[in-house]
C-alpha cells in the first residue's frame, strides 16, 4: 500500500510526464550535471551549485547596475538561465521517471539509467555536486555575492530523489556500497540544512519558504533513518499552519505578493505534500485545526473557486495562470480526505 501511495505522489509531482510511459523519454535524455556550466563558475569551483534570484534586476541608478534591485513578480529569466537551477529539474524529472519504469514494469534499463544519473550527481568525483547551497539565488551586489536564504528552495525537489532511491534497491541502479555514498552525500547536505545561517533563516520563515524547507528536510531525514527528527519537523508545522492561514483559509503573507494566487497555491502545494509525509509518520496535518481556526482544508477551499477562473482572483496576480492549475493539490486533498 505504501509503495502505491509513493508512486501516486511521484506521479502527482510530475504532471507533465506521459502517464503511460514516463520513463521512455528519460531513457535517452542526456545526463546533465552541476559541472556543465556555460561559463566557469564565479566561485572558482564548478562543483558549487550557483543560481540567481529571479526577481532581481540591474540597478538603473548606478553605472554598473549594482546592487541589483527587487521587482517582485517580474522574472529575470536570462539571469535565472545563467545559473544551475534547470539542472536540478532535469535530475529530478529523469530519476523519478526512470524509477517509475523500474517499479511499474521492472525495466532494468530504466534502473541502470537512474543509477547513472545518481552517480553523476552525488558520487563521481569529476561531476558530483558539492553539498550545501552557499551560492543559491545570488542577488548580485548583495552579501558579497553569496546566496541568500531563499536559495534553500532550489533543492526542494530532492525530496523526490530520496523517495526514489529506496525503490531502486535491489535493482541494477547501484550497489550497496554506492548507496552508502549516496547516503553520505545526503547526510552532508542535511547537516548544511540544519546548521548554515541561510538554512536556519529559511527554516524560521513563516511563509511558503518555511514550508518548503520542511518538504526538503523531512524526506531526507527519513532516508537517513532519522524518523524521530522527521516527525518533530512535521509536528512543528502545526504552529506554521496557525501563522500562515486565517480562519477563512486566506494566506496574508502570500496574498500580498505580486502573484498572490500563485503563491497561495505554491504554499498549499508544499503543505499538502507535507501532510502526506506526516501521515506516514503518525502526524496528522490534514485534519488538524489550529487554535485560531486555521486549517489546510480551509486553505484549499479558499483558493478552489479560482481554479476554474483564475482571472476572478480579487487580489494581485501579475502572471496569467491557466484554469485547472490546482489539479495536483486537489488530487492530494482527495487522497488525504480518503485517509490514504
Foldseek 3Di string as FASTA:
>chain_A
DVVVVLLVLLCLVCVVADPVQSQPVLLPDDQDFQLPAPDQDPVNDSLEFAFAAQQWWFCPVDPVSPQTDGDFPHGPVVRRVNGCLVNLVSLLSSLSSLLCCCLVPVDLSSLQSSLVNLCQAQNDPVGHHQADHQRFRFRHNPPVNTHALLRVLSNLSCLSVLSSVVSSPPGNSDDPVVVVSVLVRLVVNLVCLVDPPSNVVQCPDLALSVLSSLSRNLSNCVSNVNLVVSLVSLVVCLVSQVSQAALQQQGVVQLVGLASLVRLLSSLVSVLVSQVSNVVSVDHQQPDAHPNNGHSVSNCVVNVVCLQPVVPPPGHRDDDDDRNPNVSSVVSNVVVVVVD
